[in-house]
């Protein structure tokens, strides 16, 4: 197993680990504080959740890069099936397009797709 003790270059923080993907939970930090914390700790990458980004994708992507970090990915595209899927194909496709646009605005090379909830 790889030892990341001294070399953090391959690490990325998924903000879900801070609880930011749940209403009323998490560290309660604004994105700017999360970026500062990653930079201070030598964690070069970050994976955001859509709910954190809103209409600030381009701005946040620029802030990430200005801090010397990179956006590694974006979680997640809408569910395709299951009880949490949006009603109707058109709504799902619209949300998929919005997720793709957000990933592009951030400069994220990866958009996580979870097919459906349980």
PDB file of N, CA and C in Angstrom:
ATOM      1  N   UNK A   1       0.844  -1.173   0.000  1.00  0.00           N
ATOM      2  CA  UNK A   1       0.000   0.000   0.000  1.00  0.00           C
ATOM      3  C   UNK A   1       0.894   1.243   0.000  1.00  0.00           C
ATOM      4  N   UNK A   2       0.453   2.233  -0.693  1.00  0.00           N
ATOM      5  CA  UNK A   2       1.195   3.483  -0.822  1.00  0.00           C
ATOM      6  C   UNK A   2       1.170   4.277   0.490  1.00  0.00           C
ATOM      7  N   UNK A   3       2.314   4.850   0.841  1.00  0.00           N
ATOM      8  CA  UNK A   3       2.433   5.652   2.057  1.00  0.00           C
ATOM      9  C   UNK A   3       2.320   7.133   1.697  1.00  0.00           C
ATOM     10  N   UNK A   4       1.279   7.778   2.177  1.00  0.00           N
ATOM     11  CA  UNK A   4       1.046   9.192   1.884  1.00  0.00           C
ATOM     12  C   UNK A   4       1.535  10.109   3.012  1.00  0.00           C
ATOM     13  N   UNK A   5       2.259   9.564   3.964  1.00  0.00           N
ATOM     14  CA  UNK A   5       2.696  10.343   5.114  1.00  0.00           C
ATOM     15  C   UNK A   5       3.505  11.568   4.721  1.00  0.00           C
ATOM     16  N   UNK A   6       4.445  11.386   3.819  1.00  0.00           N
ATOM     17  CA  UNK A   6       5.337  12.485   3.445  1.00  0.00           C
ATOM     18  C   UNK A   6       4.973  13.129   2.115  1.00  0.00           C
ATOM     19  N   UNK A   7       4.265  12.411   1.273  1.00  0.00           N
ATOM     20  CA  UNK A   7       3.963  12.919  -0.063  1.00  0.00           C
ATOM     21  C   UNK A   7       2.451  12.916  -0.273  1.00  0.00           C
ATOM     22  N   UNK A   8       1.861  14.094  -0.270  1.00  0.00           N
ATOM     23  CA  UNK A   8       0.413  14.231  -0.423  1.00  0.00           C
ATOM     24  C   UNK A   8      -0.008  14.539  -1.851  1.00  0.00           C
ATOM     25  N   UNK A   9       0.903  14.458  -2.795  1.00  0.00           N
ATOM     26  CA  UNK A   9       0.631  14.922  -4.160  1.00  0.00           C
ATOM     27  C   UNK A   9      -0.508  14.178  -4.856  1.00  0.00           C
ATOM     28  N   UNK A  10      -0.823  12.974  -4.418  1.00  0.00           N
ATOM     29  CA  UNK A  10      -1.891  12.205  -5.060  1.00  0.00           C
ATOM     30  C   UNK A  10      -3.206  12.269  -4.282  1.00  0.00           C
ATOM     31  N   UNK A  11      -3.275  13.102  -3.259  1.00  0.00           N
ATOM     32  CA  UNK A  11      -4.481  13.169  -2.439  1.00  0.00           C
ATOM     33  C   UNK A  11      -5.461  14.222  -2.945  1.00  0.00           C
ATOM     34  N   UNK A  12      -6.731  13.953  -2.714  1.00  0.00           N
ATOM     35  CA  UNK A  12      -7.789  14.925  -2.999  1.00  0.00           C
ATOM     36  C   UNK A  12      -8.850  14.779  -1.914  1.00  0.00           C
ATOM     37  N   UNK A  13      -9.397  15.889  -1.495  1.00  0.00           N
ATOM     38  CA  UNK A  13     -10.461  15.896  -0.502  1.00  0.00           C
ATOM     39  C   UNK A  13     -11.808  15.870  -1.203  1.00  0.00           C
ATOM     40  N   UNK A  14     -12.650  14.906  -0.848  1.00  0.00           N
ATOM     41  CA  UNK A  14     -14.042  14.913  -1.283  1.00  0.00           C
ATOM     42  C   UNK A  14     -14.815  15.619  -0.179  1.00  0.00           C
ATOM     43  N   UNK A  15     -15.445  16.723  -0.511  1.00  0.00           N
ATOM     44  CA  UNK A  15     -16.090  17.539   0.514  1.00  0.00           C
ATOM     45  C   UNK A  15     -17.223  16.818   1.239  1.00  0.00           C
ATOM     46  N   UNK A  16     -17.692  15.700   0.710  1.00  0.00           N
ATOM     47  CA  UNK A  16     -18.702  14.917   1.428  1.00  0.00           C
ATOM     48  C   UNK A  16     -18.149  14.433   2.760  1.00  0.00           C
ATOM     49  N   UNK A  17     -16.829  14.251   2.837  1.00  0.00           N
ATOM     50  CA  UNK A  17     -16.233  13.797   4.093  1.00  0.00           C
ATOM     51  C   UNK A  17     -16.349  14.853   5.180  1.00  0.00           C
ATOM     52  N   UNK A  18     -16.636  16.083   4.788  1.00  0.00           N
ATOM     53  CA  UNK A  18     -16.877  17.154   5.755  1.00  0.00           C
ATOM     54  C   UNK A  18     -18.355  17.273   6.096  1.00  0.00           C
ATOM     55  N   UNK A  19     -19.176  16.464   5.438  1.00  0.00           N
ATOM     56  CA  UNK A  19     -20.613  16.507   5.661  1.00  0.00           C
ATOM     57  C   UNK A  19     -21.322  17.562   4.845  1.00  0.00           C
ATOM     58  N   UNK A  20     -20.619  18.169   3.897  1.00  0.00           N
ATOM     59  CA  UNK A  20     -21.199  19.276   3.137  1.00  0.00           C
ATOM     60  C   UNK A  20     -22.308  18.855   2.183  1.00  0.00           C
ATOM     61  N   UNK A  21     -22.505  17.557   1.993  1.00  0.00           N
ATOM     62  CA  UNK A  21     -23.571  17.139   1.097  1.00  0.00           C
ATOM     63  C   UNK A  21     -24.900  16.929   1.828  1.00  0.00           C
ATOM     64  N   UNK A  22     -24.948  17.239   3.100  1.00  0.00           N
ATOM     65  CA  UNK A  22     -26.174  17.082   3.887  1.00  0.00           C
ATOM     66  C   UNK A  22     -26.589  18.422   4.481  1.00  0.00           C
ATOM     67  N   UNK A  23     -27.842  18.782   4.317  1.00  0.00           N
ATOM     68  CA  UNK A  23     -28.336  20.035   4.893  1.00  0.00           C
ATOM     69  C   UNK A  23     -28.124  20.053   6.405  1.00  0.00           C
ATOM     70  N   UNK A  24     -27.557  21.154   6.896  1.00  0.00           N
ATOM     71  CA  UNK A  24     -27.404  21.333   8.332  1.00  0.00           C
ATOM     72  C   UNK A  24     -26.287  20.536   8.966  1.00  0.00           C
ATOM     73  N   UNK A  25     -25.455  19.893   8.170  1.00  0.00           N
ATOM     74  CA  UNK A  25     -24.362  19.084   8.702  1.00  0.00           C
ATOM     75  C   UNK A  25     -23.031  19.584   8.160  1.00  0.00           C
ATOM     76  N   UNK A  26     -21.987  18.997   8.648  1.00  0.00           N
ATOM     77  CA  UNK A  26     -20.662  19.313   8.135  1.00  0.00           C
ATOM     78  C   UNK A  26     -19.956  20.365   8.960  1.00  0.00           C
ATOM     79  N   UNK A  27     -18.801  20.725   8.473  1.00  0.00           N
ATOM     80  CA  UNK A  27     -17.958  21.677   9.186  1.00  0.00           C
ATOM     81  C   UNK A  27     -18.563  23.073   9.191  1.00  0.00           C
ATOM     82  N   UNK A  28     -19.466  23.336   8.261  1.00  0.00           N
ATOM     83  CA  UNK A  28     -20.068  24.656   8.173  1.00  0.00           C
ATOM     84  C   UNK A  28     -19.144  25.697   7.557  1.00  0.00           C
ATOM     85  N   UNK A  29     -18.068  25.234   6.946  1.00  0.00           N
ATOM     86  CA  UNK A  29     -17.101  26.143   6.340  1.00  0.00           C
ATOM     87  C   UNK A  29     -17.554  26.583   4.963  1.00  0.00           C
ATOM     88  N   UNK A  30     -17.317  27.832   4.619  1.00  0.00           N
ATOM     89  CA  UNK A  30     -17.519  28.242   3.232  1.00  0.00           C
ATOM     90  C   UNK A  30     -16.434  27.603   2.363  1.00  0.00           C
ATOM     91  N   UNK A  31     -16.683  27.549   1.086  1.00  0.00           N
ATOM     92  CA  UNK A  31     -15.734  26.924   0.162  1.00  0.00           C
ATOM     93  C   UNK A  31     -14.344  27.534   0.304  1.00  0.00           C
ATOM     94  N   UNK A  32     -14.273  28.824   0.501  1.00  0.00           N
ATOM     95  CA  UNK A  32     -12.970  29.480   0.611  1.00  0.00           C
ATOM     96  C   UNK A  32     -12.156  28.918   1.774  1.00  0.00           C
ATOM     97  N   UNK A  33     -12.808  28.631   2.888  1.00  0.00           N
ATOM     98  CA  UNK A  33     -12.106  28.052   4.049  1.00  0.00           C
ATOM     99  C   UNK A  33     -11.658  26.630   3.752  1.00  0.00           C
ATOM    100  N   UNK A  34     -12.474  25.876   3.039  1.00  0.00           N
ATOM    101  CA  UNK A  34     -12.091  24.515   2.654  1.00  0.00           C
ATOM    102  C   UNK A  34     -10.837  24.562   1.778  1.00  0.00           C
ATOM    103  N   UNK A  35     -10.812  25.488   0.830  1.00  0.00           N
ATOM    104  CA  UNK A  35      -9.637  25.624  -0.037  1.00  0.00           C
ATOM    105  C   UNK A  35      -8.405  25.983   0.778  1.00  0.00           C
ATOM    106  N   UNK A  36      -8.546  26.928   1.692  1.00  0.00           N
ATOM    107  CA  UNK A  36      -7.415  27.307   2.543  1.00  0.00           C
ATOM    108  C   UNK A  36      -6.917  26.114   3.352  1.00  0.00           C
ATOM    109  N   UNK A  37      -7.843  25.335   3.912  1.00  0.00           N
ATOM    110  CA  UNK A  37      -7.463  24.179   4.721  1.00  0.00           C
ATOM    111  C   UNK A  37      -6.713  23.145   3.882  1.00  0.00           C
ATOM    112  N   UNK A  38      -7.172  22.917   2.659  1.00  0.00           N
ATOM    113  CA  UNK A  38      -6.468  21.973   1.776  1.00  0.00           C
ATOM    114  C   UNK A  38      -5.062  22.480   1.464  1.00  0.00           C
ATOM    115  N   UNK A  39      -4.955  23.753   1.117  1.00  0.00           N
ATOM    116  CA  UNK A  39      -3.649  24.327   0.781  1.00  0.00           C
ATOM    117  C   UNK A  39      -2.708  24.271   1.984  1.00  0.00           C
ATOM    118  N   UNK A  40      -3.209  24.598   3.170  1.00  0.00           N
ATOM    119  CA  UNK A  40      -2.390  24.575   4.387  1.00  0.00           C
ATOM    120  C   UNK A  40      -1.866  23.183   4.701  1.00  0.00           C
ATOM    121  N   UNK A  41      -2.626  22.168   4.342  1.00  0.00           N
ATOM    122  CA  UNK A  41      -2.267  20.788   4.672  1.00  0.00           C
ATOM    123  C   UNK A  41      -1.591  20.049   3.520  1.00  0.00           C
ATOM    124  N   UNK A  42      -1.382  20.742   2.422  1.00  0.00           N
ATOM    125  CA  UNK A  42      -0.706  20.120   1.285  1.00  0.00           C
ATOM    126  C   UNK A  42      -1.558  19.128   0.521  1.00  0.00           C
ATOM    127  N   UNK A  43      -2.869  19.280   0.587  1.00  0.00           N
ATOM    128  CA  UNK A  43      -3.776  18.415  -0.178  1.00  0.00           C
ATOM    129  C   UNK A  43      -4.077  19.150  -1.478  1.00  0.00           C
ATOM    130  N   UNK A  44      -3.542  18.667  -2.602  1.00  0.00           N
ATOM    131  CA  UNK A  44      -3.585  19.449  -3.839  1.00  0.00           C
ATOM    132  C   UNK A  44      -4.883  19.383  -4.634  1.00  0.00           C
ATOM    133  N   UNK A  45      -5.740  18.410  -4.338  1.00  0.00           N
ATOM    134  CA  UNK A  45      -6.954  18.245  -5.136  1.00  0.00           C
ATOM    135  C   UNK A  45      -8.207  18.300  -4.287  1.00  0.00           C
ATOM    136  N   UNK A  46      -9.310  18.619  -4.955  1.00  0.00           N
ATOM    137  CA  UNK A  46     -10.588  18.700  -4.253  1.00  0.00           C
ATOM    138  C   UNK A  46     -11.707  18.224  -5.175  1.00  0.00           C
ATOM    139  N   UNK A  47     -12.647  17.509  -4.588  1.00  0.00           N
ATOM    140  CA  UNK A  47     -13.846  17.052  -5.291  1.00  0.00           C
ATOM    141  C   UNK A  47     -15.040  17.694  -4.593  1.00  0.00           C
ATOM    142  N   UNK A  48     -15.786  18.472  -5.337  1.00  0.00           N
ATOM    143  CA  UNK A  48     -16.951  19.160  -4.782  1.00  0.00           C
ATOM    144  C   UNK A  48     -18.229  18.374  -5.048  1.00  0.00           C
ATOM    145  N   UNK A  49     -19.270  18.741  -4.311  1.00  0.00           N
ATOM    146  CA  UNK A  49     -20.621  18.278  -4.571  1.00  0.00           C
ATOM    147  C   UNK A  49     -21.390  19.438  -5.174  1.00  0.00           C
ATOM    148  N   UNK A  50     -22.278  19.134  -6.088  1.00  0.00           N
ATOM    149  CA  UNK A  50     -23.010  20.178  -6.816  1.00  0.00           C
ATOM    150  C   UNK A  50     -23.720  21.151  -5.892  1.00  0.00           C
ATOM    151  N   UNK A  51     -24.282  20.656  -4.837  1.00  0.00           N
ATOM    152  CA  UNK A  51     -25.067  21.508  -3.941  1.00  0.00           C
ATOM    153  C   UNK A  51     -24.236  22.641  -3.359  1.00  0.00           C
ATOM    154  N   UNK A  52     -22.917  22.489  -3.310  1.00  0.00           N
ATOM    155  CA  UNK A  52     -22.037  23.529  -2.764  1.00  0.00           C
ATOM    156  C   UNK A  52     -21.747  24.637  -3.763  1.00  0.00           C
ATOM    157  N   UNK A  53     -21.880  24.327  -5.028  1.00  0.00           N
ATOM    158  CA  UNK A  53     -21.381  25.207  -6.080  1.00  0.00           C
ATOM    159  C   UNK A  53     -22.408  26.246  -6.512  1.00  0.00           C
ATOM    160  N   UNK A  54     -23.654  25.840  -6.641  1.00  0.00           N
ATOM    161  CA  UNK A  54     -24.691  26.768  -7.100  1.00  0.00           C
ATOM    162  C   UNK A  54     -24.339  27.332  -8.461  1.00  0.00           C
ATOM    163  N   UNK A  55     -24.448  28.641  -8.591  1.00  0.00           N
ATOM    164  CA  UNK A  55     -24.140  29.274  -9.881  1.00  0.00           C
ATOM    165  C   UNK A  55     -22.735  29.884  -9.890  1.00  0.00           C
ATOM    166  N   UNK A  56     -21.864  29.403  -9.005  1.00  0.00           N
ATOM    167  CA  UNK A  56     -20.520  29.960  -8.862  1.00  0.00           C
ATOM    168  C   UNK A  56     -19.423  29.066  -9.444  1.00  0.00           C
ATOM    169  N   UNK A  57     -19.745  28.176 -10.366  1.00  0.00           N
ATOM    170  CA  UNK A  57     -18.769  27.194 -10.848  1.00  0.00           C
ATOM    171  C   UNK A  57     -17.495  27.842 -11.384  1.00  0.00           C
ATOM    172  N   UNK A  58     -17.623  28.797 -12.264  1.00  0.00           N
ATOM    173  CA  UNK A  58     -16.436  29.427 -12.861  1.00  0.00           C
ATOM    174  C   UNK A  58     -15.626  30.139 -11.780  1.00  0.00           C
ATOM    175  N   UNK A  59     -16.293  30.911 -10.942  1.00  0.00           N
ATOM    176  CA  UNK A  59     -15.608  31.636  -9.860  1.00  0.00           C
ATOM    177  C   UNK A  59     -14.873  30.677  -8.930  1.00  0.00           C
ATOM    178  N   UNK A  60     -15.540  29.601  -8.529  1.00  0.00           N
ATOM    179  CA  UNK A  60     -14.922  28.647  -7.611  1.00  0.00           C
ATOM    180  C   UNK A  60     -13.756  27.935  -8.282  1.00  0.00           C
ATOM    181  N   UNK A  61     -13.922  27.538  -9.536  1.00  0.00           N
ATOM    182  CA  UNK A  61     -12.808  26.921 -10.260  1.00  0.00           C
ATOM    183  C   UNK A  61     -11.595  27.830 -10.304  1.00  0.00           C
ATOM    184  N   UNK A  62     -11.823  29.111 -10.539  1.00  0.00           N
ATOM    185  CA  UNK A  62     -10.720  30.081 -10.566  1.00  0.00           C
ATOM    186  C   UNK A  62     -10.075  30.223  -9.192  1.00  0.00           C
ATOM    187  N   UNK A  63     -10.877  30.235  -8.135  1.00  0.00           N
ATOM    188  CA  UNK A  63     -10.341  30.327  -6.773  1.00  0.00           C
ATOM    189  C   UNK A  63      -9.490  29.104  -6.433  1.00  0.00           C
ATOM    190  N   UNK A  64      -9.958  27.934  -6.854  1.00  0.00           N
ATOM    191  CA  UNK A  64      -9.203  26.706  -6.605  1.00  0.00           C
ATOM    192  C   UNK A  64      -7.821  26.816  -7.243  1.00  0.00           C
ATOM    193  N   UNK A  65      -7.788  27.182  -8.503  1.00  0.00           N
ATOM    194  CA  UNK A  65      -6.510  27.278  -9.208  1.00  0.00           C
ATOM    195  C   UNK A  65      -5.632  28.392  -8.644  1.00  0.00           C
ATOM    196  N   UNK A  66      -6.236  29.500  -8.234  1.00  0.00           N
ATOM    197  CA  UNK A  66      -5.464  30.596  -7.633  1.00  0.00           C
ATOM    198  C   UNK A  66      -4.810  30.162  -6.322  1.00  0.00           C
ATOM    199  N   UNK A  67      -5.433  29.205  -5.633  1.00  0.00           N
ATOM    200  CA  UNK A  67      -4.875  28.680  -4.381  1.00  0.00           C
ATOM    201  C   UNK A  67      -3.811  27.617  -4.638  1.00  0.00           C
ATOM    202  N   UNK A  68      -3.543  27.324  -5.920  1.00  0.00           N
ATOM    203  CA  UNK A  68      -2.550  26.312  -6.261  1.00  0.00           C
ATOM    204  C   UNK A  68      -3.074  24.894  -6.188  1.00  0.00           C
ATOM    205  N   UNK A  69      -4.392  24.751  -6.180  1.00  0.00           N
ATOM    206  CA  UNK A  69      -5.033  23.438  -6.095  1.00  0.00           C
ATOM    207  C   UNK A  69      -5.675  23.099  -7.431  1.00  0.00           C
ATOM    208  N   UNK A  70      -6.222  21.897  -7.520  1.00  0.00           N
ATOM    209  CA  UNK A  70      -6.956  21.528  -8.730  1.00  0.00           C
ATOM    210  C   UNK A  70      -8.280  20.873  -8.359  1.00  0.00           C
ATOM    211  N   UNK A  71      -9.280  21.126  -9.194  1.00  0.00           N
ATOM    212  CA  UNK A  71     -10.563  20.440  -9.048  1.00  0.00           C
ATOM    213  C   UNK A  71     -10.390  19.081  -9.714  1.00  0.00           C
ATOM    214  N   UNK A  72     -10.515  18.032  -8.936  1.00  0.00           N
ATOM    215  CA  UNK A  72     -10.313  16.677  -9.433  1.00  0.00           C
ATOM    216  C   UNK A  72     -11.609  16.100  -9.989  1.00  0.00           C
ATOM    217  N   UNK A  73     -12.735  16.511  -9.422  1.00  0.00           N
ATOM    218  CA  UNK A  73     -14.002  15.977  -9.889  1.00  0.00           C
ATOM    219  C   UNK A  73     -15.181  16.710  -9.282  1.00  0.00           C
ATOM    220  N   UNK A  74     -16.349  16.333  -9.750  1.00  0.00           N
ATOM    221  CA  UNK A  74     -17.612  16.876  -9.259  1.00  0.00           C
ATOM    222  C   UNK A  74     -18.571  15.718  -9.019  1.00  0.00           C
ATOM    223  N   UNK A  75     -19.191  15.706  -7.864  1.00  0.00           N
ATOM    224  CA  UNK A  75     -20.207  14.717  -7.519  1.00  0.00           C
ATOM    225  C   UNK A  75     -21.557  15.412  -7.551  1.00  0.00           C
ATOM    226  N   UNK A  76     -22.453  15.008  -8.140  1.00  0.00           N
ATOM    227  CA  UNK A  76     -22.697  13.902  -8.987  1.00  0.00           C
ATOM    228  C   UNK A  76     -23.762  14.279  -9.984  1.00  0.00           C
ATOM    229  N   UNK A  77     -23.883  13.495 -11.028  1.00  0.00           N
ATOM    230  CA  UNK A  77     -24.979  13.638 -11.982  1.00  0.00           C
ATOM    231  C   UNK A  77     -26.257  13.133 -11.307  1.00  0.00           C
ATOM    232  N   UNK A  78     -27.428  13.462 -11.857  1.00  0.00           N
ATOM    233  CA  UNK A  78     -28.676  13.022 -11.217  1.00  0.00           C
ATOM    234  C   UNK A  78     -28.850  11.507 -11.302  1.00  0.00           C
ATOM    235  N   UNK A  79     -29.587  10.973 -10.340  1.00  0.00           N
ATOM    236  CA  UNK A  79     -29.939   9.552 -10.392  1.00  0.00           C
ATOM    237  C   UNK A  79     -30.772   9.285 -11.637  1.00  0.00           C
ATOM    238  N   UNK A  80     -30.538   8.133 -12.231  1.00  0.00           N
ATOM    239  CA  UNK A  80     -31.311   7.722 -13.405  1.00  0.00           C
ATOM    240  C   UNK A  80     -32.530   6.895 -13.024  1.00  0.00           C
ATOM    241  N   UNK A  81     -32.414   6.166 -11.921  1.00  0.00           N
ATOM    242  CA  UNK A  81     -33.492   5.274 -11.483  1.00  0.00           C
ATOM    243  C   UNK A  81     -33.646   5.377  -9.973  1.00  0.00           C
ATOM    244  N   UNK A  82     -34.685   4.748  -9.473  1.00  0.00           N
ATOM    245  CA  UNK A  82     -34.878   4.674  -8.031  1.00  0.00           C
ATOM    246  C   UNK A  82     -35.737   5.804  -7.493  1.00  0.00           C
ATOM    247  N   UNK A  83     -35.996   5.765  -6.202  1.00  0.00           N
ATOM    248  CA  UNK A  83     -36.920   6.722  -5.588  1.00  0.00           C
ATOM    249  C   UNK A  83     -36.413   8.164  -5.571  1.00  0.00           C
ATOM    250  N   UNK A  84     -35.120   8.363  -5.735  1.00  0.00           N
ATOM    251  CA  UNK A  84     -34.570   9.721  -5.711  1.00  0.00           C
ATOM    252  C   UNK A  84     -34.376  10.312  -7.103  1.00  0.00           C
ATOM    253  N   UNK A  85     -34.718   9.541  -8.135  1.00  0.00           N
ATOM    254  CA  UNK A  85     -34.593  10.038  -9.509  1.00  0.00           C
ATOM    255  C   UNK A  85     -35.640  11.115  -9.764  1.00  0.00           C
ATOM    256  N   UNK A  86     -35.267  12.083 -10.565  1.00  0.00           N
ATOM    257  CA  UNK A  86     -36.225  13.119 -10.957  1.00  0.00           C
ATOM    258  C   UNK A  86     -37.345  12.490 -11.788  1.00  0.00           C
ATOM    259  N   UNK A  87     -38.542  13.058 -11.750  1.00  0.00           N
ATOM    260  CA  UNK A  87     -39.645  12.491 -12.531  1.00  0.00           C
ATOM    261  C   UNK A  87     -39.511  12.850 -14.010  1.00  0.00           C
ATOM    262  N   UNK A  88     -39.411  11.846 -14.834  1.00  0.00           N
ATOM    263  CA  UNK A  88     -39.396  12.053 -16.281  1.00  0.00           C
ATOM    264  C   UNK A  88     -38.010  12.206 -16.879  1.00  0.00           C
ATOM    265  N   UNK A  89     -37.895  11.670 -18.066  1.00  0.00           N
ATOM    266  CA  UNK A  89     -36.626  11.693 -18.797  1.00  0.00           C
ATOM    267  C   UNK A  89     -36.138  13.118 -19.070  1.00  0.00           C
ATOM    268  N   UNK A  90     -37.035  14.012 -19.431  1.00  0.00           N
ATOM    269  CA  UNK A  90     -36.635  15.386 -19.758  1.00  0.00           C
ATOM    270  C   UNK A  90     -35.991  16.071 -18.552  1.00  0.00           C
ATOM    271  N   UNK A  91     -36.568  15.894 -17.376  1.00  0.00           N
ATOM    272  CA  UNK A  91     -36.007  16.506 -16.164  1.00  0.00           C
ATOM    273  C   UNK A  91     -34.632  15.929 -15.850  1.00  0.00           C
ATOM    274  N   UNK A  92     -34.495  14.620 -16.016  1.00  0.00           N
ATOM    275  CA  UNK A  92     -33.199  13.975 -15.773  1.00  0.00           C
ATOM    276  C   UNK A  92     -32.160  14.500 -16.751  1.00  0.00           C
ATOM    277  N   UNK A  93     -32.517  14.578 -18.019  1.00  0.00           N
ATOM    278  CA  UNK A  93     -31.570  15.057 -19.032  1.00  0.00           C
ATOM    279  C   UNK A  93     -31.199  16.519 -18.798  1.00  0.00           C
ATOM    280  N   UNK A  94     -32.156  17.339 -18.413  1.00  0.00           N
ATOM    281  CA  UNK A  94     -31.854  18.740 -18.102  1.00  0.00           C
ATOM    282  C   UNK A  94     -30.870  18.836 -16.941  1.00  0.00           C
ATOM    283  N   UNK A  95     -31.080  18.004 -15.918  1.00  0.00           N
ATOM    284  CA  UNK A  95     -30.183  18.034 -14.769  1.00  0.00           C
ATOM    285  C   UNK A  95     -28.804  17.490 -15.133  1.00  0.00           C
ATOM    286  N   UNK A  96     -28.758  16.487 -16.011  1.00  0.00           N
ATOM    287  CA  UNK A  96     -27.468  15.979 -16.498  1.00  0.00           C
ATOM    288  C   UNK A  96     -26.706  17.086 -17.212  1.00  0.00           C
ATOM    289  N   UNK A  97     -27.390  17.815 -18.066  1.00  0.00           N
ATOM    290  CA  UNK A  97     -26.735  18.921 -18.786  1.00  0.00           C
ATOM    291  C   UNK A  97     -26.225  19.977 -17.807  1.00  0.00           C
ATOM    292  N   UNK A  98     -27.015  20.273 -16.796  1.00  0.00           N
ATOM    293  CA  UNK A  98     -26.585  21.248 -15.787  1.00  0.00           C
ATOM    294  C   UNK A  98     -25.342  20.748 -15.047  1.00  0.00           C
ATOM    295  N   UNK A  99     -25.298  19.452 -14.755  1.00  0.00           N
ATOM    296  CA  UNK A  99     -24.131  18.876 -14.081  1.00  0.00           C
ATOM    297  C   UNK A  99     -22.896  18.949 -14.973  1.00  0.00           C
ATOM    298  N   UNK A 100     -23.068  18.654 -16.252  1.00  0.00           N
ATOM    299  CA  UNK A 100     -21.953  18.735 -17.204  1.00  0.00           C
ATOM    300  C   UNK A 100     -21.459  20.172 -17.315  1.00  0.00           C
ATOM    301  N   UNK A 101     -22.383  21.114 -17.415  1.00  0.00           N
ATOM    302  CA  UNK A 101     -22.005  22.531 -17.483  1.00  0.00           C
ATOM    303  C   UNK A 101     -21.263  22.966 -16.223  1.00  0.00           C
ATOM    304  N   UNK A 102     -21.722  22.506 -15.069  1.00  0.00           N
ATOM    305  CA  UNK A 102     -21.069  22.868 -13.818  1.00  0.00           C
ATOM    306  C   UNK A 102     -19.655  22.300 -13.766  1.00  0.00           C
ATOM    307  N   UNK A 103     -19.502  21.029 -14.163  1.00  0.00           N
ATOM    308  CA  UNK A 103     -18.167  20.417 -14.185  1.00  0.00           C
ATOM    309  C   UNK A 103     -17.241  21.192 -15.113  1.00  0.00           C
ATOM    310  N   UNK A 104     -17.744  21.581 -16.269  1.00  0.00           N
ATOM    311  CA  UNK A 104     -16.936  22.358 -17.214  1.00  0.00           C
ATOM    312  C   UNK A 104     -16.565  23.709 -16.618  1.00  0.00           C
ATOM    313  N   UNK A 105     -17.511  24.372 -15.968  1.00  0.00           N
ATOM    314  CA  UNK A 105     -17.236  25.665 -15.349  1.00  0.00           C
ATOM    315  C   UNK A 105     -16.171  25.583 -14.274  1.00  0.00           C
ATOM    316  N   UNK A 106     -16.196  24.505 -13.512  1.00  0.00           N
ATOM    317  CA  UNK A 106     -15.191  24.296 -12.471  1.00  0.00           C
ATOM    318  C   UNK A 106     -13.829  23.928 -13.052  1.00  0.00           C
ATOM    319  N   UNK A 107     -13.848  23.332 -14.248  1.00  0.00           N
ATOM    320  CA  UNK A 107     -12.624  22.762 -14.797  1.00  0.00           C
ATOM    321  C   UNK A 107     -12.390  21.358 -14.271  1.00  0.00           C
ATOM    322  N   UNK A 108     -13.467  20.685 -13.872  1.00  0.00           N
ATOM    323  CA  UNK A 108     -13.371  19.325 -13.333  1.00  0.00           C
ATOM    324  C   UNK A 108     -13.268  18.321 -14.473  1.00  0.00           C
ATOM    325  N   UNK A 109     -12.248  17.470 -14.467  1.00  0.00           N
ATOM    326  CA  UNK A 109     -12.113  16.482 -15.528  1.00  0.00           C
ATOM    327  C   UNK A 109     -13.040  15.278 -15.368  1.00  0.00           C
ATOM    328  N   UNK A 110     -13.660  15.132 -14.182  1.00  0.00           N
ATOM    329  CA  UNK A 110     -14.495  13.967 -13.898  1.00  0.00           C
ATOM    330  C   UNK A 110     -15.826  14.428 -13.310  1.00  0.00           C
ATOM    331  N   UNK A 111     -16.907  13.860 -13.814  1.00  0.00           N
ATOM    332  CA  UNK A 111     -18.238  14.026 -13.235  1.00  0.00           C
ATOM    333  C   UNK A 111     -18.693  12.645 -12.788  1.00  0.00           C
ATOM    334  N   UNK A 112     -18.887  12.483 -11.493  1.00  0.00           N
ATOM    335  CA  UNK A 112     -19.306  11.190 -10.965  1.00  0.00           C
ATOM    336  C   UNK A 112     -20.764  10.943 -11.324  1.00  0.00           C
ATOM    337  N   UNK A 113     -21.028   9.743 -11.806  1.00  0.00           N
ATOM    338  CA  UNK A 113     -22.384   9.332 -12.146  1.00  0.00           C
ATOM    339  C   UNK A 113     -22.761   8.165 -11.246  1.00  0.00           C
ATOM    340  N   UNK A 114     -23.844   8.325 -10.501  1.00  0.00           N
ATOM    341  CA  UNK A 114     -24.403   7.257  -9.687  1.00  0.00           C
ATOM    342  C   UNK A 114     -25.742   6.925 -10.322  1.00  0.00           C
ATOM    343  N   UNK A 115     -25.882   5.705 -10.798  1.00  0.00           N
ATOM    344  CA  UNK A 115     -27.067   5.356 -11.594  1.00  0.00           C
ATOM    345  C   UNK A 115     -28.373   5.485 -10.838  1.00  0.00           C
ATOM    346  N   UNK A 116     -28.383   5.114  -9.563  1.00  0.00           N
ATOM    347  CA  UNK A 116     -29.629   5.210  -8.826  1.00  0.00           C
ATOM    348  C   UNK A 116     -29.444   4.970  -7.351  1.00  0.00           C
ATOM    349  N   UNK A 117     -30.357   5.517  -6.591  1.00  0.00           N
ATOM    350  CA  UNK A 117     -30.325   5.343  -5.147  1.00  0.00           C
ATOM    351  C   UNK A 117     -31.084   4.099  -4.742  1.00  0.00           C
ATOM    352  N   UNK A 118     -30.947   3.747  -3.510  1.00  0.00           N
ATOM    353  CA  UNK A 118     -31.649   2.574  -2.990  1.00  0.00           C
ATOM    354  C   UNK A 118     -32.745   2.997  -2.048  1.00  0.00           C
TER     355      UNK A 118
END
